[in-house]
Protein backbone atom coordinates (compact mmCIF):
# COMPACT_ATOMS: atom_id res chain seq x y z
CA MET A 1 -30.36 -20.67 19.54
CA THR A 2 -33.38 -19.70 21.00
CA GLY A 3 -35.60 -23.08 21.71
CA LYS A 4 -32.84 -25.40 21.55
CA VAL A 5 -31.84 -25.43 24.62
CA ALA A 6 -35.55 -25.33 26.13
CA ASP A 7 -36.32 -28.29 24.05
CA ARG A 8 -33.15 -30.03 25.41
CA VAL A 9 -33.75 -28.95 29.10
CA GLY A 10 -37.78 -30.11 28.39
CA LEU A 11 -36.39 -33.70 27.51
CA THR A 12 -34.17 -34.30 30.55
CA ALA A 13 -34.11 -32.16 33.42
CA SER A 14 -37.13 -30.32 34.55
CA GLY A 15 -35.54 -28.44 37.32
CA LEU A 16 -33.69 -25.98 34.90
CA THR A 17 -36.77 -25.40 32.49
CA GLY A 18 -37.91 -22.04 34.08
CA PHE A 19 -34.27 -20.80 34.05
CA ALA A 20 -33.46 -21.57 30.05
CA PRO A 21 -36.52 -19.88 28.77
CA ARG A 22 -34.79 -16.46 30.59
CA VAL A 23 -31.36 -17.14 29.37
CA ASN A 24 -32.32 -17.86 25.58
CA LEU A 25 -34.92 -14.28 25.15
CA LEU A 26 -32.12 -12.65 27.00
CA GLY A 27 -29.51 -13.88 23.98
CA ASP A 28 -32.14 -13.12 21.49
CA GLY A 29 -32.80 -9.68 22.70
CA LEU A 30 -29.00 -8.63 22.84
CA VAL A 31 -28.64 -11.08 19.28
CA ILE A 32 -31.32 -8.58 17.72
CA LEU A 33 -30.26 -5.52 18.97
CA LEU A 34 -26.69 -6.05 17.54
CA VAL A 35 -28.40 -6.71 14.08
CA LEU A 36 -30.55 -3.51 14.45
CA PHE A 37 -26.99 -1.52 15.03
CA HIS A 38 -25.44 -3.30 12.09
CA TRP A 39 -28.40 -2.28 10.16
CA TYR A 40 -28.60 1.37 11.13
CA THR A 41 -25.13 2.11 11.30
CA ARG A 42 -23.91 -0.19 8.13
CA PHE A 43 -20.73 -0.54 10.52
CA GLY A 44 -18.44 -3.37 9.09
CA VAL A 45 -20.94 -4.71 6.64
CA ASP A 46 -22.01 -5.06 2.91
CA LYS A 47 -25.18 -5.43 1.15
CA LEU A 48 -24.80 -9.29 1.35
CA THR A 49 -23.63 -9.69 5.04
CA LEU A 50 -26.73 -7.38 6.04
CA ARG A 51 -29.19 -9.42 4.68
CA LEU A 52 -28.03 -12.11 5.67
CA MET A 53 -28.04 -11.17 9.12
CA VAL A 54 -31.40 -9.54 9.08
CA GLY A 55 -32.59 -12.44 6.89
CA GLY A 56 -31.45 -15.12 9.43
CA ILE A 57 -32.78 -13.34 12.27
CA ALA A 58 -36.22 -12.79 10.41
CA LEU A 59 -37.02 -16.21 9.91
CA PHE A 60 -35.31 -17.32 13.33
CA VAL A 61 -38.00 -15.01 15.11
CA GLY A 62 -40.88 -15.97 12.77
CA SER A 63 -40.28 -19.90 13.37
CA ALA A 64 -40.27 -18.93 16.93
CA PRO A 65 -44.22 -18.33 16.84
CA VAL A 66 -44.73 -21.39 14.12
CA ASP A 67 -43.25 -23.45 16.90
CA VAL A 68 -45.37 -22.44 19.83
CA ILE A 69 -48.39 -22.69 17.38
CA ASN A 70 -47.06 -26.80 16.41
CA HIS A 71 -46.66 -27.27 20.25
CA ARG A 72 -50.40 -26.28 21.25
CA ILE A 73 -51.76 -27.93 18.62
CA ASN A 74 -50.05 -31.12 18.62
CA GLY A 75 -49.28 -31.24 22.16
CA LEU A 76 -45.19 -31.75 23.53
CA ASP A 77 -42.09 -31.79 20.90
CA ILE A 78 -39.85 -34.46 21.92
CA THR A 79 -37.97 -34.02 19.07
CA ALA A 80 -35.14 -31.85 17.50
CA TRP A 81 -35.64 -33.26 13.70
CA SER A 82 -38.98 -31.00 13.00
CA ILE A 83 -39.54 -28.66 10.49
CA THR A 84 -40.19 -25.86 13.05
CA HIS A 85 -37.09 -26.72 14.85
CA PHE A 86 -35.24 -26.27 11.39
CA GLY A 87 -36.54 -22.66 11.24
CA LEU A 88 -34.52 -21.94 14.55
CA TYR A 89 -31.55 -23.67 13.38
CA ILE A 90 -31.49 -22.55 9.62
CA GLY A 91 -32.39 -18.80 10.91
CA THR A 92 -29.30 -19.10 13.20
CA GLY A 93 -26.92 -20.51 10.66
CA ILE A 94 -27.70 -17.57 8.01
CA ALA A 95 -27.60 -15.16 10.88
CA ILE A 96 -23.78 -16.43 11.58
CA ALA A 97 -22.91 -16.78 8.12
CA GLY A 98 -23.73 -13.18 7.97
CA ALA A 99 -21.46 -12.16 10.54
CA ILE A 100 -18.75 -14.42 9.46
CA ARG A 101 -18.88 -12.65 6.11
CA GLY A 102 -18.83 -9.00 7.51
CA TRP A 103 -15.73 -10.17 9.63
CA ARG A 104 -13.46 -11.48 7.07
CA LEU A 105 -14.53 -8.92 4.88
CA HIS A 106 -13.90 -5.87 7.24
CA SER A 107 -10.98 -7.28 9.41
CA SER A 108 -8.05 -7.53 7.22
CA GLY A 109 -4.92 -6.16 9.05
CA LEU A 110 -5.97 -6.98 12.54
CA SER A 111 -4.16 -9.71 15.05
CA SER A 112 -7.20 -11.08 16.07
CA ARG A 113 -8.67 -11.75 12.56
CA SER A 114 -7.73 -15.96 12.20
CA PHE A 115 -8.95 -16.17 15.76
CA MET A 116 -12.30 -14.40 15.48
CA LEU A 117 -13.12 -15.97 12.49
CA GLY A 118 -12.40 -19.43 14.00
CA ALA A 119 -14.69 -19.10 16.90
CA LEU A 120 -17.45 -17.83 14.57
CA TRP A 121 -16.73 -21.12 12.45
CA PHE A 122 -16.91 -22.94 15.53
CA PHE A 123 -20.70 -21.08 16.49
CA PHE A 124 -21.89 -22.01 12.84
CA LEU A 125 -20.73 -25.94 13.36
CA GLU A 126 -22.20 -25.93 16.96
CA ASN A 127 -25.40 -25.13 15.33
CA VAL A 128 -24.84 -27.54 12.60
CA LEU A 129 -24.59 -30.45 14.75
CA PHE A 130 -27.17 -29.58 17.37
CA PRO A 131 -29.85 -31.83 16.02
CA ASN A 132 -28.04 -34.76 15.91
CA GLN A 133 -27.20 -34.13 19.72
CA HIS A 134 -30.80 -35.86 19.93
CA GLN A 135 -29.57 -38.91 18.73
CA GLU A 136 -26.10 -38.49 21.14
CA TYR A 137 -28.87 -37.65 24.53
CA GLY A 138 -30.95 -40.71 23.08
CA VAL A 139 -28.40 -43.48 22.64
CA LYS A 140 -27.75 -42.28 26.66
CA GLU A 141 -31.19 -42.10 27.29
CA ILE A 142 -31.87 -45.20 26.60
CA ALA A 143 -29.00 -47.23 28.41
CA SER A 144 -30.69 -45.36 31.84
CA TRP A 145 -33.69 -47.07 31.26
CA ASP A 146 -31.55 -50.47 30.77
CA ARG A 147 -29.84 -49.65 33.72
CA ASN A 148 -32.87 -49.18 36.00
CA PRO A 149 -35.90 -50.23 34.14
CA GLY A 150 -39.16 -47.78 34.07
CA LYS A 151 -36.83 -44.97 35.73
CA PRO A 152 -34.72 -43.07 33.02
CA TYR A 153 -33.39 -39.82 33.26
CA ALA A 154 -36.77 -38.43 31.07
CA GLU A 155 -39.62 -37.20 32.71
CA GLY A 156 -43.06 -38.73 33.34
CA GLU A 157 -45.08 -36.86 31.51
CA LEU A 158 -42.57 -37.33 28.20
CA LEU A 159 -42.61 -41.09 28.86
CA GLU A 160 -46.91 -41.04 28.72
CA PHE A 161 -46.81 -38.70 26.06
CA ALA A 162 -44.33 -40.94 24.06
CA ALA A 163 -46.46 -43.69 24.86
CA GLN A 164 -49.37 -42.46 23.59
CA GLN A 165 -47.93 -41.64 20.20
CA ILE A 166 -47.09 -45.43 19.72
CA GLY A 167 -50.59 -46.51 21.36
CA LYS A 168 -48.67 -48.46 23.98
CA PRO A 169 -48.17 -48.32 27.79
CA VAL A 170 -44.59 -46.65 29.15
CA SER A 171 -42.28 -49.24 28.04
CA ARG A 172 -38.96 -49.73 26.63
CA ASP A 173 -40.54 -49.14 22.78
CA SER A 174 -42.22 -46.42 23.81
CA LEU A 175 -38.64 -44.82 25.01
CA VAL A 176 -36.81 -45.62 21.91
CA HIS A 177 -39.86 -43.88 19.93
CA PHE A 178 -39.10 -40.59 21.28
CA SER A 179 -34.94 -41.31 21.98
CA LEU A 180 -34.09 -42.46 18.53
CA PRO A 181 -36.78 -40.63 16.48
CA VAL A 182 -35.08 -40.83 12.88
CA PRO A 183 -33.37 -43.90 11.11
CA PRO A 184 -30.25 -44.76 11.62
CA TRP A 185 -28.71 -43.53 8.51
CA VAL A 186 -29.66 -39.78 10.07
CA TYR A 187 -26.84 -39.75 12.16
CA PRO A 188 -23.53 -39.80 9.92
CA LEU A 189 -25.07 -38.60 6.64
CA TRP A 190 -25.83 -35.25 8.75
CA ILE A 191 -22.13 -35.28 9.69
CA VAL A 192 -20.76 -35.89 6.38
CA ALA A 193 -22.63 -33.95 4.31
CA ALA A 194 -23.62 -30.82 6.70
CA ALA A 195 -20.56 -30.92 9.72
CA MET A 196 -18.09 -31.85 7.04
CA LEU A 197 -19.22 -29.29 4.50
CA THR A 198 -19.06 -26.68 7.17
CA LEU A 199 -15.52 -27.73 7.77
CA LEU A 200 -14.15 -27.78 4.50
CA ILE A 201 -15.85 -24.11 4.13
CA ALA A 202 -13.74 -23.21 7.07
CA ARG A 203 -10.72 -24.15 6.10
CA ARG A 204 -11.10 -22.34 2.91
CA SER A 205 -12.28 -19.51 4.88
CA VAL A 206 -9.93 -19.16 7.61
CA GLY A 207 -7.30 -20.25 5.30
CA LEU A 208 -4.92 -21.82 8.24
CA ARG A 209 -3.56 -25.19 7.32
CA TRP A 210 -5.05 -27.14 10.69
CA THR A 211 -8.45 -25.48 10.62
CA ALA A 212 -11.04 -28.29 9.89
CA THR A 213 -9.71 -30.09 12.52
CA THR A 214 -8.47 -27.23 15.31
CA LEU A 215 -12.47 -26.52 15.29
CA ALA A 216 -13.09 -30.38 15.08
CA LEU A 217 -11.31 -30.90 17.99
CA ALA A 218 -12.22 -27.51 19.84
CA TYR A 219 -16.04 -28.74 19.54
CA VAL A 220 -15.03 -32.14 20.86
CA ALA A 221 -12.96 -30.32 23.62
CA TRP A 222 -15.74 -28.72 24.50
CA ARG A 223 -18.49 -31.15 24.66
CA CYS A 224 -16.00 -33.06 27.04
CA VAL A 225 -15.76 -30.29 29.26
CA LEU A 226 -19.54 -29.94 29.81
CA TRP A 227 -19.67 -33.91 30.52
CA PRO A 228 -18.66 -33.90 33.71
CA LEU A 229 -20.07 -30.34 34.80
CA LEU A 230 -23.81 -31.83 33.16
CA ALA A 231 -22.97 -35.06 35.30
CA VAL A 232 -22.52 -33.11 38.70
CA ALA A 233 -25.20 -31.14 38.16
CA ASP A 234 -27.85 -34.12 37.40
CA PHE A 235 -28.04 -33.22 34.04
CA PRO A 236 -28.29 -36.34 32.03
CA THR A 237 -24.81 -36.71 29.64
CA SER A 238 -24.56 -37.36 25.73
CA ALA A 239 -22.36 -39.38 23.37
CA VAL A 240 -19.69 -36.94 22.43
CA PRO A 241 -19.39 -37.11 18.72
CA PHE A 242 -15.66 -38.00 18.56
CA LEU A 243 -15.75 -39.05 15.04
CA LEU A 244 -15.65 -35.87 13.79
CA LEU A 245 -11.95 -35.53 14.68
CA ALA A 246 -11.32 -38.37 11.86
CA GLY A 247 -13.15 -36.47 8.85
CA ALA A 248 -11.61 -33.39 9.61
CA LEU A 249 -8.22 -34.36 9.57
CA VAL A 250 -8.82 -35.76 6.54
CA ILE A 251 -10.28 -32.65 4.91
CA ASP A 252 -6.96 -30.52 6.16
CA VAL A 253 -4.68 -33.09 4.45
CA ILE A 254 -6.15 -33.27 1.51
CA CYS A 255 -6.43 -29.77 0.91
CA LEU A 256 -3.17 -29.34 1.89
CA ILE A 257 -2.09 -31.99 -0.84
CA GLY A 258 -3.50 -29.13 -3.57
CA LEU A 259 -5.13 -31.46 -6.16
CA PRO A 260 -7.00 -29.99 -8.74
CA TRP A 261 -10.79 -29.36 -7.40
CA LEU A 262 -12.60 -31.55 -9.03
CA ALA A 263 -10.31 -34.54 -7.75
CA GLU A 264 -10.03 -32.87 -4.73
CA ALA A 265 -13.54 -33.24 -4.21
CA ALA A 266 -14.07 -36.65 -5.71
CA ILE A 267 -11.29 -38.06 -3.49
CA GLY A 268 -11.83 -36.39 -0.44
CA ALA A 269 -15.44 -37.17 -0.60
CA VAL A 270 -14.53 -40.71 -0.84
CA LEU A 271 -11.97 -40.51 2.30
CA VAL A 272 -13.75 -38.08 4.68
CA THR A 273 -16.72 -40.20 4.60
CA GLY A 274 -14.94 -43.48 5.13
CA ALA A 275 -13.04 -41.75 8.04
CA VAL A 276 -16.47 -40.62 9.45
CA TYR A 277 -18.34 -43.90 9.30
CA LEU A 278 -14.83 -46.04 10.37
CA GLY A 279 -14.49 -43.79 13.33
CA GLY A 280 -18.48 -44.31 14.52
CA TYR A 281 -17.89 -47.74 14.08
CA VAL A 282 -14.92 -47.63 16.32
CA GLN A 283 -16.53 -45.01 19.11
CA SER A 284 -19.71 -47.68 19.12
CA TYR A 285 -17.54 -49.95 20.36
CA ALA A 286 -14.65 -48.36 22.16
CA LEU A 287 -17.38 -45.68 23.89
CA VAL A 288 -20.75 -45.15 22.90
CA ALA A 289 -22.56 -44.02 19.59
CA PRO A 290 -25.99 -43.33 18.49
CA PRO A 291 -26.92 -46.26 15.87
CA ILE A 292 -25.28 -45.96 12.25
CA GLY A 293 -26.65 -47.22 9.22
CA TYR A 294 -23.23 -47.87 7.31
CA TRP A 295 -25.02 -48.78 4.28
CA SER A 296 -25.50 -45.25 4.09
CA ALA A 297 -22.12 -44.08 3.04
CA PRO A 298 -22.02 -43.74 -0.43
CA VAL A 299 -25.31 -41.71 -0.35
CA ALA A 300 -23.31 -39.50 2.32
CA ALA A 301 -20.53 -39.54 -0.08
CA THR A 302 -22.08 -38.69 -2.95
CA ILE A 303 -24.05 -35.75 -1.63
CA LEU A 304 -20.60 -34.49 0.06
CA PHE A 305 -19.36 -34.95 -3.39
CA ALA A 306 -21.58 -32.48 -4.97
CA CYS A 307 -21.31 -30.00 -2.33
CA TRP A 308 -17.16 -30.13 -2.67
CA ALA A 309 -17.15 -29.85 -6.10
CA PHE A 310 -19.33 -27.17 -5.82
CA VAL A 311 -17.59 -25.22 -3.71
CA GLY A 312 -14.24 -25.71 -5.69
CA ALA A 313 -15.94 -24.56 -8.83
CA LEU A 314 -16.83 -21.32 -7.30
CA ARG A 315 -13.68 -20.96 -6.45
CA THR A 316 -11.21 -21.31 -9.02
CA ARG A 317 -13.71 -21.17 -11.97
CA LEU A 318 -16.22 -18.13 -11.05
CA HIS A 319 -13.60 -16.71 -8.70
CA ILE A 320 -15.92 -16.22 -5.94
CA GLU A 321 -15.54 -16.83 -2.36
CA LEU A 322 -18.99 -16.31 0.05
CA PHE A 323 -17.31 -16.52 3.73
């Protein structure tokens, strides 16, 4: 997860910028050593598992210098939604997918099988949701400006850079420009098409009844635990995505019913999408949530249906279980 913590810190709290890169580099080195260990010993891996782990790490490591070059050419990078950053996210996700497959194939009979499999899916879910945190931090960033105009959480250097990008002096407009750099439809669509699909596959992979709900609850609980700790450390807080819980619960219920795979995909996609968007609507009024483009719900449902049906076809027609 190199670069992700550093980018978040660079957006918000300058006091930690010297510490975060060291932690990232230490974690990177440890992961690379572990992958090299499995590559050399072939312990607990098959060919596909090893290819996923090695390929993911190679993409991750290769994306890091490209991201640095991008920074050198274009200056500060103040969005999680960039191509070079997605190389980091996708590489991380592929490597974790390899670890999931390896553990699932070689942990039969172990008492810790389900717990560890769930933990690996938790890390995968966190990686999937990371880009959306830009909006979750961004909406709180704008609120900090509204409370104290001219003195938000962000550093002055970032405010100046954001203002230069739109050719205006530092103002609320320039703050919004870098706090919410993508259209409002991106946030809910990403949750439905990426996070809900992740929870669905995790539910199939782990095989326990309330897997999706448990993973979503664990992620939300983790964010809630971090929230006061970050606040005490004077680190900017973020909106917590409680809307995940509604969609995850629907996934578990739909999977329990046991519908034919195509009907399950169609009904599940509509209900899960509705639950997520309704959850976002309630959260935006009861607490705080990033802007949501509700018109995108049919698009999100269509994407989820296609992916859900594909996963169902693999399982029922081709009897293929990747994870």
